[in-house]
Amino acid sequence: AGMEDSGDASAVADWRLAVWTLCSVLLPVLITAWCSFQRSRRQLLIRDIFRKSKHDWHYTDLFGQPSYCCVCAQHILRGAFCGCCGLRVSERCLKKADQRFLCKEIMMRGTAGAPSSMPHHWIRGNVPLCSCCMVCKQQCGTQPKLCDYRCVWCQYTVHDECMVDCLRTEDCTFGEFKDLIIPPYYLSAINQMRKEKRTSYEKVVPYSRKHWMPVIVLANTRSGNNMGETLLGEFKMLLNPVQVFDLSKITPAKALQLCTWLPCNAVRVLVCGGDGTVGWVLDAIDELKIKGQERYIPQVAILPLGTGNDLSNTLGWGAGYAGEVPVEQILRNVMEADGIKLDRWKVQVTNKGYYNLRKPKVFTMNNYFSIGPDALMALNFHAHREKTPSLFSSRIINKAVYFFYGTKDCLVQECKDLNKKVELELDGEAIELPNLEGIIVLNIGYWGGGCRLWEGMGDEPYPLARHDDGLLEVVGVHGSFHCAQIQVKLANPVRLGQAHTVRLILKSSKMPMQVDGEPWAQGPCTVTITHKTHALMLYHSGEQTDDDDASSLSE
């Protein structure tokens, strides 16, 4: 009996051990599964709120500065923020905030008549650092709590204790950038006039204001260093969100239709992207001319986000933007910039032997055309980026890949004896070519990511290259190594001449060609470059990277 009792006790102990072991294994699994389910459910709810909301909500795991929930006033590390009005909210208060607080109105609704003003739109808490109260002129946002107010339109800030009833109903002046902002009441008035088929916009405020120059921001979120997404939010905070467009979601042609709601010859467009994005926008502006909307054509400024940015550099906007200049200063630069003209050229490529069977390829050139080693580097880079686009999200990586292919071509010399394969005519006159590997036809002063190619070392008295004189500069290079020497001012290019019309005949073999960084491999053909039109651009005098100030000013 004693042995049976001990056997039973041992069996019970084994069962208990098995049960506890099973619990210790299953419990963490169940807890993990439950947490995962709750997280997925919460994410679905958040996405549903984001989808239905009028706010431009973005979720973040970590705010970049001390932040407080606009609903519960508690300190938050993660949550959501609105990219238009700047509201910040904890995850659990998101639904309440979405229902309680209004976002920026892009157009006033339900107003009788044609209002010419609107009150401030105050948001409490999370004011910008180093902002000053518009009443007492003392610093705001100094206390570690939800405090003080900011107007989402004029960006003025006010202390809690300085906020009085008259400020809540006072008309908003739209602050420093009132000449760039499109007020919601203006869009409401124009919309009503369009419904009534009236076109006398001149009487609508601020259409009639002398210095009003509304800006339209077109950002390519896929350009260069992928800063476009951040810039979109910052511009929406300072301007009317209707003025800011993401070119990955809407084409420039559709975005520029906003110009038809605005004063003639007054609109300024800020293109955030590389030279390719700028060319895309300029093509869309040419479409306005074709549609008979010439009077709505805007002037174009550039915020360089691409890799080379030679057109941006030529027009004084710098060789690349990496966030070092505040968005407010960028808008000031746009306001102060001077209008100039940029030559645009038609590049027609006619395949040899197929004149009657194939239509010629037609490109529009803003920067340069080339055949030879630099076109080969661009072609190899383009092919590599098409295979693995995720690797090319940094301007430094892009330039490193260009350097790799340039070094490779120094050894292989795929484009040698180019002078035996092509014929060149400048304004109908045949040019005798020396031993070359490449020919480059320039419209602008900069080439190859910041090099003034036509001037070279600057030790010879050649006339400065201009982008508005109807002339093209044509140079030759001896190879990739020669290109590298020119870029560091250790050599001069082979200057072949200037011309109004350039004709190049590729007699044999297949050679790499490019127009403004868009490369392709081309067989025997005739390339003809003629003047197409002018583009209205904006020139900023403070961002040139070249050492020669005189040549910069001449641009």
Protein backbone atom coordinates (compact mmCIF):
# COMPACT_ATOMS: atom_id res chain seq x y z
CA ALA A 1 0.00 0.00 0.00
CA GLY A 2 2.83 2.35 0.81
CA MET A 3 4.46 1.64 -2.52
CA GLU A 4 1.16 2.30 -4.35
CA ASP A 5 0.73 5.63 -2.53
CA SER A 6 4.25 6.69 -3.43
CA GLY A 7 3.59 5.69 -7.09
CA ASP A 8 0.38 7.75 -7.18
CA ALA A 9 2.16 10.74 -5.66
CA SER A 10 4.91 10.44 -8.26
CA ALA A 11 2.34 10.33 -11.10
CA VAL A 12 0.54 13.41 -9.73
CA ALA A 13 3.87 15.23 -9.47
CA ASP A 14 4.65 14.32 -13.07
CA TRP A 15 1.25 15.59 -14.20
CA ARG A 16 1.71 18.82 -12.29
CA LEU A 17 5.15 19.28 -13.83
CA ALA A 18 3.73 18.63 -17.31
CA VAL A 19 0.87 21.11 -16.74
CA TRP A 20 3.19 23.83 -15.43
CA THR A 21 5.61 23.22 -18.28
CA LEU A 22 2.77 23.48 -20.77
CA CYS A 23 1.55 26.69 -19.13
CA SER A 24 5.01 28.21 -19.08
CA VAL A 25 5.28 27.52 -22.83
CA LEU A 26 1.73 28.46 -23.87
CA LEU A 27 1.31 31.57 -21.72
CA PRO A 28 4.06 33.66 -23.42
CA VAL A 29 2.79 32.46 -26.80
CA LEU A 30 -0.78 33.48 -25.93
CA ILE A 31 0.35 36.83 -24.53
CA THR A 32 2.43 37.49 -27.65
CA ALA A 33 -0.47 36.50 -29.92
CA TRP A 34 -2.88 38.72 -27.95
CA CYS A 35 -0.48 41.69 -28.08
CA SER A 36 0.05 41.16 -31.79
CA PHE A 37 -3.72 41.03 -32.37
CA GLN A 38 -4.26 44.20 -30.34
CA ARG A 39 -1.45 45.97 -32.19
CA SER A 40 -2.87 44.98 -35.58
CA ARG A 41 -6.36 46.07 -34.49
CA ARG A 42 -4.99 49.39 -33.24
CA GLN A 43 -3.09 49.97 -36.48
CA LEU A 44 -6.23 49.28 -38.51
CA LEU A 45 -8.18 51.80 -36.41
CA ILE A 46 -5.41 54.38 -36.83
CA ARG A 47 -5.28 53.82 -40.59
CA ASP A 48 -9.06 54.17 -40.76
CA ILE A 49 -8.90 57.49 -38.90
CA PHE A 50 -6.07 58.69 -41.17
CA ARG A 51 -8.08 57.75 -44.27
CA LYS A 52 -11.26 59.54 -43.25
CA SER A 53 -9.67 62.56 -41.59
CA LYS A 54 -9.30 66.06 -43.05
CA HIS A 55 -6.01 66.32 -41.18
CA ASP A 56 -2.79 65.20 -42.86
CA TRP A 57 -1.91 62.74 -40.08
CA HIS A 58 1.48 61.02 -39.93
CA TYR A 59 2.42 58.40 -37.32
CA THR A 60 5.81 58.62 -35.63
CA ASP A 61 7.55 56.36 -33.09
CA LEU A 62 9.64 59.24 -31.73
CA PHE A 63 9.09 62.98 -31.88
CA GLY A 64 12.22 65.01 -32.62
CA GLN A 65 11.55 67.51 -29.82
CA PRO A 66 9.61 67.58 -26.51
CA SER A 67 5.93 67.21 -27.45
CA TYR A 68 2.65 67.28 -25.57
CA CYS A 69 -0.73 65.83 -26.54
CA CYS A 70 -3.20 68.52 -27.58
CA VAL A 71 -6.04 66.58 -25.90
CA CYS A 72 -4.74 65.22 -22.57
CA ALA A 73 -1.75 67.61 -22.31
CA GLN A 74 0.53 64.71 -21.32
CA HIS A 75 4.12 64.39 -22.53
CA ILE A 76 4.32 62.00 -25.50
CA LEU A 77 7.19 60.19 -27.19
CA ARG A 78 5.18 58.63 -30.00
CA GLY A 79 1.87 59.36 -31.62
CA ALA A 80 0.61 61.30 -34.62
CA PHE A 81 1.12 64.80 -35.99
CA CYS A 82 -0.67 66.75 -38.70
CA GLY A 83 1.59 67.82 -41.57
CA CYS A 84 -0.63 70.85 -42.33
CA CYS A 85 -1.62 72.46 -39.03
CA GLY A 86 1.02 70.94 -36.72
CA LEU A 87 -1.28 69.27 -34.16
CA ARG A 88 0.44 66.59 -32.05
CA VAL A 89 -1.51 63.89 -30.27
CA SER A 90 -0.95 60.65 -28.41
CA GLU A 91 -2.16 57.43 -29.94
CA ARG A 92 -5.03 56.95 -27.49
CA CYS A 93 -6.32 60.52 -28.02
CA LEU A 94 -6.12 60.47 -31.81
CA LYS A 95 -9.86 59.95 -32.41
CA LYS A 96 -10.82 62.75 -29.99
CA ALA A 97 -8.32 65.16 -31.55
CA ASP A 98 -9.55 64.37 -35.03
CA GLN A 99 -13.12 65.21 -34.02
CA ARG A 100 -12.34 68.21 -31.82
CA PHE A 101 -9.80 70.24 -33.82
CA LEU A 102 -10.13 71.63 -37.33
CA CYS A 103 -7.25 71.50 -39.79
CA LYS A 104 -6.23 74.29 -42.16
CA GLU A 105 -9.06 75.08 -44.54
CA ILE A 106 -7.81 75.28 -48.11
CA MET A 107 -11.06 76.97 -49.14
CA MET A 108 -13.63 78.76 -46.97
CA ARG A 109 -17.06 77.14 -47.07
CA GLY A 110 -20.52 78.34 -46.19
CA THR A 111 -19.68 82.05 -46.34
CA ALA A 112 -22.05 84.57 -47.83
CA GLY A 113 -20.70 87.14 -50.26
CA ALA A 114 -16.99 87.45 -51.02
CA PRO A 115 -14.99 87.80 -47.77
CA SER A 116 -11.65 89.55 -47.97
CA SER A 117 -10.27 88.43 -44.60
CA MET A 118 -10.36 85.61 -42.06
CA PRO A 119 -9.58 85.29 -38.31
CA HIS A 120 -6.51 83.63 -36.83
CA HIS A 121 -6.60 79.84 -36.51
CA TRP A 122 -4.99 79.18 -33.12
CA ILE A 123 -3.47 75.82 -32.09
CA ARG A 124 -2.39 75.35 -28.48
CA GLY A 125 1.00 73.98 -27.48
CA ASN A 126 4.14 72.66 -29.17
CA VAL A 127 5.09 76.10 -30.50
CA PRO A 128 8.39 76.39 -32.43
CA LEU A 129 11.50 76.87 -30.32
CA CYS A 130 12.77 80.47 -30.04
CA SER A 131 9.42 81.93 -31.13
CA CYS A 132 8.32 85.23 -29.57
CA CYS A 133 4.92 86.34 -28.29
CA MET A 134 3.25 88.84 -30.63
CA VAL A 135 1.92 90.75 -27.60
CA CYS A 136 4.74 90.98 -25.05
CA LYS A 137 7.64 90.06 -27.39
CA GLN A 138 8.99 87.51 -24.88
CA GLN A 139 9.98 83.93 -25.77
CA CYS A 140 7.18 81.37 -26.01
CA GLY A 141 7.14 77.64 -25.32
CA THR A 142 9.69 77.78 -22.49
CA GLN A 143 7.66 75.72 -19.99
CA PRO A 144 7.76 71.89 -20.01
CA LYS A 145 4.01 71.49 -20.59
CA LEU A 146 1.28 72.12 -23.15
CA CYS A 147 1.26 75.91 -23.27
CA ASP A 148 0.95 78.99 -25.51
CA TYR A 149 -0.72 79.35 -28.92
CA ARG A 150 0.37 79.45 -32.56
CA CYS A 151 -1.63 80.61 -35.60
CA VAL A 152 -1.36 78.02 -38.37
CA TRP A 153 -1.47 80.73 -41.08
CA CYS A 154 0.68 83.66 -39.95
CA GLN A 155 2.82 81.51 -37.57
CA TYR A 156 2.55 84.18 -34.83
CA THR A 157 2.72 82.85 -31.26
CA VAL A 158 1.04 84.13 -28.06
CA HIS A 159 1.48 83.27 -24.37
CA ASP A 160 -1.49 81.73 -22.56
CA GLU A 161 -1.67 84.77 -20.31
CA CYS A 162 -1.42 87.17 -23.28
CA MET A 163 -4.26 85.55 -25.21
CA VAL A 164 -7.31 87.80 -25.07
CA ASP A 165 -10.70 87.55 -26.74
CA CYS A 166 -9.86 90.19 -29.36
CA LEU A 167 -6.96 88.06 -30.64
CA ARG A 168 -9.30 85.11 -31.19
CA THR A 169 -11.45 87.14 -33.59
CA GLU A 170 -8.75 89.41 -35.02
CA ASP A 171 -8.12 89.16 -38.78
CA CYS A 172 -5.05 87.13 -39.71
CA THR A 173 -2.40 89.00 -41.73
CA PHE A 174 -0.77 85.74 -43.00
CA GLY A 175 2.54 86.94 -41.60
CA GLU A 176 5.87 87.17 -43.37
CA PHE A 177 4.77 85.12 -46.38
CA LYS A 178 1.47 86.86 -47.08
CA ASP A 179 2.71 87.65 -50.63
CA LEU A 180 3.23 83.91 -51.31
CA ILE A 181 0.14 82.40 -49.63
CA ILE A 182 -3.13 81.79 -51.48
CA PRO A 183 -5.81 82.66 -48.86
CA PRO A 184 -8.78 80.28 -48.50
CA TYR A 185 -11.25 83.15 -48.98
CA TYR A 186 -9.64 83.97 -52.35
CA LEU A 187 -10.18 80.42 -53.62
CA SER A 188 -13.79 80.50 -52.38
CA ALA A 189 -14.46 83.74 -54.25
CA ILE A 190 -12.83 82.51 -57.49
CA ASN A 191 -14.70 79.19 -57.27
CA GLN A 192 -18.01 81.04 -56.93
CA MET A 193 -17.16 83.34 -59.86
CA ARG A 194 -16.31 80.34 -62.03
CA LYS A 195 -19.66 78.75 -61.26
CA GLU A 196 -21.29 82.00 -62.35
CA LYS A 197 -19.00 82.12 -65.42
CA ARG A 198 -17.49 85.45 -64.41
CA THR A 199 -13.79 86.15 -65.10
CA SER A 200 -13.27 89.58 -63.54
CA TYR A 201 -10.86 88.27 -60.91
CA GLU A 202 -9.11 91.66 -60.61
CA LYS A 203 -11.58 92.84 -57.94
CA VAL A 204 -10.92 89.88 -55.63
CA VAL A 205 -8.53 90.41 -52.72
CA PRO A 206 -5.55 89.79 -52.80
CA TYR A 207 -5.58 89.56 -56.64
CA SER A 208 -5.55 93.34 -56.75
CA ARG A 209 -2.61 93.68 -54.34
CA LYS A 210 0.50 94.93 -56.10
CA HIS A 211 3.17 92.64 -54.63
CA TRP A 212 1.18 89.39 -54.44
CA MET A 213 3.22 86.61 -56.07
CA PRO A 214 1.63 83.29 -55.07
CA VAL A 215 3.98 80.31 -55.12
CA ILE A 216 3.22 76.73 -56.17
CA VAL A 217 5.52 74.03 -54.75
CA LEU A 218 6.11 70.90 -56.84
CA ALA A 219 8.16 68.27 -55.00
CA ASN A 220 9.52 65.00 -56.36
CA THR A 221 9.72 62.69 -53.34
CA ARG A 222 11.88 60.22 -55.32
CA SER A 223 14.67 62.63 -56.23
CA GLY A 224 18.25 62.29 -54.96
CA ASN A 225 18.41 62.06 -51.18
CA ASN A 226 14.65 61.48 -50.61
CA MET A 227 14.11 64.76 -48.74
CA GLY A 228 10.95 65.54 -50.70
CA GLU A 229 8.60 63.97 -48.13
CA THR A 230 9.94 66.14 -45.31
CA LEU A 231 9.85 69.29 -47.43
CA LEU A 232 6.22 68.67 -48.42
CA GLY A 233 5.17 68.80 -44.77
CA GLU A 234 7.22 71.91 -43.99
CA PHE A 235 5.83 73.83 -46.97
CA LYS A 236 2.26 72.78 -46.10
CA MET A 237 2.78 74.20 -42.61
CA LEU A 238 3.83 77.62 -43.96
CA LEU A 239 1.56 77.88 -47.02
CA ASN A 240 -1.92 76.84 -48.04
CA PRO A 241 -1.77 73.03 -48.50
CA VAL A 242 -3.48 73.47 -51.89
CA GLN A 243 -0.28 75.14 -53.12
CA VAL A 244 1.92 72.10 -52.39
CA PHE A 245 1.95 69.08 -54.74
CA ASP A 246 3.63 65.67 -54.59
CA LEU A 247 4.73 64.81 -58.14
CA SER A 248 4.60 61.10 -57.32
CA LYS A 249 0.81 61.48 -56.99
CA ILE A 250 -0.08 64.19 -59.53
CA THR A 251 1.49 65.28 -62.82
CA PRO A 252 2.94 68.79 -63.23
CA ALA A 253 0.42 69.52 -66.00
CA LYS A 254 -2.51 69.00 -63.61
CA ALA A 255 -0.85 70.86 -60.74
CA LEU A 256 -0.11 73.88 -62.94
CA GLN A 257 -3.80 74.30 -63.74
CA LEU A 258 -3.92 76.17 -60.42
CA CYS A 259 -2.13 79.00 -62.29
CA THR A 260 -5.37 79.70 -64.18
CA TRP A 261 -6.99 80.73 -60.87
CA LEU A 262 -4.22 83.24 -60.13
CA PRO A 263 -3.03 86.60 -61.51
CA CYS A 264 -1.39 86.61 -64.93
CA ASN A 265 2.44 86.76 -64.98
CA ALA A 266 2.64 86.76 -61.16
CA VAL A 267 2.86 83.08 -60.17
CA ARG A 268 6.17 81.56 -59.07
CA VAL A 269 6.79 77.80 -59.08
CA LEU A 270 9.34 76.16 -56.78
CA VAL A 271 10.48 72.79 -58.15
CA CYS A 272 11.97 70.52 -55.46
CA GLY A 273 13.92 67.85 -57.33
CA GLY A 274 16.75 67.21 -59.76
CA ASP A 275 17.33 68.62 -63.23
CA GLY A 276 15.12 65.87 -64.68
CA THR A 277 12.20 67.01 -62.53
CA VAL A 278 12.79 70.61 -63.65
CA GLY A 279 12.68 69.49 -67.29
CA TRP A 280 9.43 67.63 -66.61
CA VAL A 281 7.85 70.79 -65.17
CA LEU A 282 9.13 72.98 -68.03
CA ASP A 283 7.58 70.54 -70.53
CA ALA A 284 4.26 70.93 -68.68
CA ILE A 285 4.60 74.72 -68.88
CA ASP A 286 5.11 74.40 -72.65
CA GLU A 287 1.76 72.58 -72.72
CA LEU A 288 0.14 75.72 -71.27
CA LYS A 289 1.44 77.61 -74.31
CA ILE A 290 0.00 75.00 -76.67
CA LYS A 291 -3.40 75.30 -74.94
CA GLY A 292 -3.37 79.08 -75.46
CA GLN A 293 -2.75 79.83 -71.76
CA GLU A 294 0.44 81.89 -72.27
CA ARG A 295 -0.66 84.60 -69.85
CA TYR A 296 -0.65 82.09 -66.98
CA ILE A 297 2.94 80.92 -67.51
CA PRO A 298 4.84 81.03 -64.16
CA GLN A 299 8.48 81.73 -63.36
CA VAL A 300 10.41 78.72 -62.05
CA ALA A 301 12.79 78.48 -59.08
CA ILE A 302 14.68 75.32 -58.09
CA LEU A 303 15.41 73.55 -54.80
CA PRO A 304 18.09 71.02 -55.89
CA LEU A 305 17.43 67.50 -54.57
CA GLY A 306 19.01 65.54 -57.45
CA THR A 307 22.53 64.22 -58.00
CA GLY A 308 24.10 66.60 -60.53
CA ASN A 309 21.91 69.72 -60.24
CA ASP A 310 23.84 71.62 -62.93
CA LEU A 311 20.86 73.73 -64.01
CA SER A 312 20.16 74.67 -60.40
CA ASN A 313 23.82 75.61 -59.95
CA THR A 314 23.79 77.73 -63.11
CA LEU A 315 20.76 79.67 -61.87
CA GLY A 316 22.28 80.32 -58.45
CA TRP A 317 20.21 77.86 -56.37
CA GLY A 318 23.21 75.73 -55.38
CA ALA A 319 24.65 72.32 -56.20
CA GLY A 320 22.52 70.34 -53.75
CA TYR A 321 20.18 70.77 -50.78
CA ALA A 322 20.56 68.65 -47.65
CA GLY A 323 18.40 70.55 -45.16
CA GLU A 324 21.06 73.07 -44.17
CA VAL A 325 18.85 76.06 -45.06
CA PRO A 326 15.51 76.56 -43.24
CA VAL A 327 12.40 76.35 -45.40
CA GLU A 328 11.55 79.92 -44.37
CA GLN A 329 14.79 81.16 -45.94
CA ILE A 330 14.06 79.21 -49.12
CA LEU A 331 10.73 81.05 -49.45
CA ARG A 332 12.49 84.38 -48.84
CA ASN A 333 14.93 83.53 -51.64
CA VAL A 334 12.03 82.76 -53.98
CA MET A 335 10.46 86.14 -53.19
CA GLU A 336 13.72 88.01 -53.82
CA ALA A 337 14.82 86.13 -56.97
CA ASP A 338 15.05 87.91 -60.33
CA GLY A 339 13.38 86.71 -63.52
CA ILE A 340 15.58 85.58 -66.43
CA LYS A 341 15.22 83.50 -69.61
CA LEU A 342 16.60 80.03 -70.30
CA ASP A 343 17.11 78.73 -73.84
CA ARG A 344 15.44 75.38 -74.53
CA TRP A 345 16.56 73.29 -77.52
CA LYS A 346 15.03 70.65 -79.75
CA VAL A 347 17.20 67.54 -80.22
CA GLN A 348 16.09 65.39 -83.17
CA VAL A 349 17.68 61.97 -83.68
CA THR A 350 17.03 60.41 -87.12
CA ASN A 351 18.13 56.81 -87.56
CA LYS A 352 20.28 56.18 -90.61
CA GLY A 353 18.54 54.20 -93.35
CA TYR A 354 15.06 54.50 -91.81
CA TYR A 355 14.07 58.02 -92.80
CA ASN A 356 10.71 56.96 -94.25
CA LEU A 357 9.95 54.05 -91.93
CA ARG A 358 10.59 55.35 -88.41
CA LYS A 359 9.73 58.65 -86.85
CA PRO A 360 12.77 60.50 -85.52
CA LYS A 361 13.24 60.66 -81.75
CA VAL A 362 12.67 64.17 -80.43
CA PHE A 363 13.98 65.43 -77.05
CA THR A 364 13.94 68.81 -75.34
CA MET A 365 17.31 69.89 -73.98
CA ASN A 366 17.85 72.33 -71.12
CA ASN A 367 21.39 71.45 -70.00
CA TYR A 368 23.51 69.51 -72.46
CA PHE A 369 23.76 66.75 -75.05
CA SER A 370 26.74 64.43 -75.20
CA ILE A 371 28.14 61.40 -76.96
CA GLY A 372 31.07 59.52 -75.45
CA PRO A 373 32.44 58.64 -71.98
CA ASP A 374 30.15 60.80 -69.83
CA ALA A 375 27.09 59.42 -71.67
CA LEU A 376 28.48 55.90 -71.10
CA MET A 377 28.78 56.58 -67.35
CA ALA A 378 25.20 57.86 -67.28
CA LEU A 379 24.00 54.80 -69.22
CA ASN A 380 25.72 52.34 -66.86
CA PHE A 381 24.43 54.27 -63.82
CA HIS A 382 20.89 54.31 -65.22
CA ALA A 383 20.93 50.55 -65.91
CA HIS A 384 22.22 49.80 -62.41
CA ARG A 385 19.59 52.06 -60.80
CA GLU A 386 16.79 50.40 -62.77
CA LYS A 387 17.82 46.99 -61.34
CA THR A 388 18.18 48.08 -57.69
CA PRO A 389 16.53 51.48 -57.15
CA SER A 390 16.58 51.15 -53.35
CA LEU A 391 20.39 51.46 -53.33
CA PHE A 392 20.32 54.90 -54.98
CA SER A 393 18.69 56.95 -52.22
CA SER A 394 21.77 59.02 -51.38
CA ARG A 395 23.53 61.70 -53.41
CA ILE A 396 26.92 60.44 -52.11
CA ILE A 397 26.20 56.85 -53.23
CA ASN A 398 25.09 58.09 -56.65
CA LYS A 399 28.29 60.04 -57.15
CA ALA A 400 30.37 57.07 -55.95
CA VAL A 401 28.73 54.86 -58.60
CA TYR A 402 29.50 57.50 -61.25
CA PHE A 403 33.14 57.54 -60.06
CA PHE A 404 33.33 53.74 -60.31
CA TYR A 405 32.10 53.67 -63.91
CA GLY A 406 34.37 56.60 -64.82
CA THR A 407 37.40 54.74 -63.43
CA LYS A 408 36.37 51.61 -65.31
CA ASP A 409 36.16 53.52 -68.62
CA CYS A 410 39.66 54.94 -68.08
CA LEU A 411 40.93 51.37 -68.37
CA VAL A 412 38.56 50.00 -71.04
CA GLN A 413 38.20 53.11 -73.31
CA GLU A 414 34.98 51.96 -74.98
CA CYS A 415 34.53 55.25 -76.86
CA LYS A 416 37.99 55.66 -78.43
CA ASP A 417 38.42 56.92 -82.03
CA LEU A 418 35.14 58.85 -81.88
CA ASN A 419 36.50 61.38 -84.38
CA LYS A 420 36.62 58.61 -87.01
CA LYS A 421 33.01 57.62 -86.38
CA VAL A 422 31.27 61.01 -86.40
CA GLU A 423 31.04 64.20 -88.45
CA LEU A 424 30.28 67.54 -86.80
CA GLU A 425 28.72 70.65 -88.36
CA LEU A 426 28.31 74.00 -86.57
CA ASP A 427 25.87 76.35 -88.33
CA GLY A 428 26.34 74.30 -91.50
CA GLU A 429 30.16 74.44 -91.42
CA ALA A 430 32.03 71.12 -91.14
CA ILE A 431 34.48 70.96 -88.22
CA GLU A 432 37.71 68.97 -88.48
CA LEU A 433 37.89 66.88 -85.32
CA PRO A 434 41.10 66.02 -83.45
CA ASN A 435 41.55 62.64 -81.73
CA LEU A 436 38.60 62.53 -79.29
CA GLU A 437 36.51 60.10 -77.25
CA GLY A 438 33.58 62.42 -76.52
CA ILE A 439 31.69 65.52 -77.71
CA ILE A 440 29.56 67.65 -75.40
CA VAL A 441 27.08 70.33 -76.50
CA LEU A 442 26.38 72.81 -73.69
CA ASN A 443 23.49 75.19 -73.10
CA ILE A 444 24.35 76.13 -69.49
CA GLY A 445 27.55 77.09 -67.68
CA TYR A 446 27.84 74.03 -65.42
CA TRP A 447 28.39 70.39 -66.33
CA GLY A 448 29.24 67.16 -64.51
CA GLY A 449 27.99 68.15 -61.05
CA GLY A 450 29.50 71.64 -60.70
CA CYS A 451 32.28 72.03 -63.32
CA ARG A 452 32.38 75.08 -65.62
CA LEU A 453 33.35 73.09 -68.70
CA TRP A 454 33.58 75.83 -71.37
CA GLU A 455 35.87 78.04 -69.27
CA GLY A 456 38.00 75.08 -68.12
CA MET A 457 40.98 76.27 -66.07
CA GLY A 458 40.08 79.88 -66.83
CA ASP A 459 43.59 80.65 -68.09
CA GLU A 460 42.47 81.47 -71.64
CA PRO A 461 40.32 84.48 -72.67
CA TYR A 462 37.23 82.64 -73.92
CA PRO A 463 33.80 84.34 -73.81
CA LEU A 464 31.71 83.15 -70.88
CA ALA A 465 29.00 80.59 -71.55
CA ARG A 466 25.46 81.96 -71.22
CA HIS A 467 22.09 80.26 -71.04
CA ASP A 468 20.04 82.97 -72.73
CA ASP A 469 22.02 84.01 -75.84
CA GLY A 470 20.67 81.44 -78.33
CA LEU A 471 24.16 79.91 -78.67
CA LEU A 472 25.45 76.44 -77.87
CA GLU A 473 29.02 75.73 -76.74
CA VAL A 474 30.58 72.59 -78.25
CA VAL A 475 33.61 70.92 -76.67
CA GLY A 476 35.50 67.66 -77.00
CA VAL A 477 37.16 65.43 -74.39
CA HIS A 478 39.92 62.85 -74.75
CA GLY A 479 38.36 60.38 -72.32
CA SER A 480 37.14 59.80 -68.77
CA PHE A 481 40.48 60.73 -67.25
CA HIS A 482 40.45 64.01 -69.21
CA CYS A 483 36.93 64.70 -67.85
CA ALA A 484 38.22 64.17 -64.31
CA GLN A 485 41.15 66.54 -64.93
CA ILE A 486 38.76 69.22 -66.20
CA GLN A 487 36.55 68.87 -63.14
CA VAL A 488 39.46 69.61 -60.78
CA LYS A 489 40.79 72.41 -63.07
CA LEU A 490 43.93 70.60 -64.16
CA ALA A 491 43.06 70.66 -67.88
CA ASN A 492 41.01 72.49 -70.49
CA PRO A 493 38.46 70.91 -72.84
CA VAL A 494 38.99 70.88 -76.60
CA ARG A 495 36.86 73.89 -77.58
CA LEU A 496 35.27 73.20 -80.97
CA GLY A 497 33.17 76.37 -81.23
CA GLN A 498 29.81 78.07 -80.62
CA ALA A 499 26.76 77.79 -82.88
CA HIS A 500 23.02 78.39 -83.23
CA THR A 501 22.53 74.97 -84.86
CA VAL A 502 24.55 71.78 -84.29
CA ARG A 503 24.45 68.73 -86.54
CA LEU A 504 26.24 65.49 -85.65
CA ILE A 505 26.36 62.43 -87.92
CA LEU A 506 27.22 59.03 -86.39
CA LYS A 507 28.47 57.06 -89.39
CA SER A 508 29.06 53.63 -87.88
CA SER A 509 28.84 51.44 -84.75
CA LYS A 510 26.69 52.03 -81.66
CA MET A 511 27.60 54.79 -79.21
CA PRO A 512 26.17 56.00 -75.88
CA MET A 513 24.33 59.33 -75.99
CA GLN A 514 22.48 61.40 -73.40
CA VAL A 515 20.24 64.46 -73.18
CA ASP A 516 20.10 66.06 -69.72
CA GLY A 517 21.12 62.85 -67.98
CA GLU A 518 18.70 60.57 -69.88
CA PRO A 519 21.03 58.08 -71.66
CA TRP A 520 20.56 55.51 -74.40
CA ALA A 521 22.67 53.45 -76.81
CA GLN A 522 22.36 54.77 -80.37
CA GLY A 523 23.25 53.26 -83.73
CA PRO A 524 24.14 55.19 -86.93
CA CYS A 525 22.06 58.38 -87.06
CA THR A 526 21.93 62.13 -87.58
CA VAL A 527 21.48 64.37 -84.52
CA THR A 528 20.22 67.90 -85.16
CA ILE A 529 20.00 70.47 -82.35
CA THR A 530 17.99 73.67 -82.97
CA HIS A 531 16.49 76.39 -80.76
CA LYS A 532 12.97 75.57 -79.52
CA THR A 533 11.77 78.20 -77.05
CA HIS A 534 12.57 80.18 -73.90
CA ALA A 535 11.64 79.24 -70.34
CA LEU A 536 10.99 81.87 -67.67
CA MET A 537 13.24 81.06 -64.71
CA LEU A 538 14.17 82.69 -61.40
CA TYR A 539 17.80 83.51 -60.65
CA HIS A 540 19.14 83.67 -57.08
CA SER A 541 22.47 85.43 -56.71
CA GLY A 542 23.67 83.93 -53.42
CA GLU A 543 24.31 80.18 -53.96
CA GLN A 544 26.97 79.76 -56.69
CA THR A 545 29.68 77.21 -56.02
CA ASP A 546 32.20 78.38 -58.59
CA ASP A 547 35.28 80.32 -57.50
CA ASP A 548 34.95 82.93 -60.21
CA ASP A 549 32.42 85.50 -58.97
CA ALA A 550 32.55 87.44 -62.17
CA SER A 551 31.47 84.48 -64.26
CA SER A 552 28.70 83.74 -61.77
CA LEU A 553 27.31 87.24 -62.06
CA SER A 554 27.44 87.12 -65.83
CA GLU A 555 25.02 84.21 -65.76
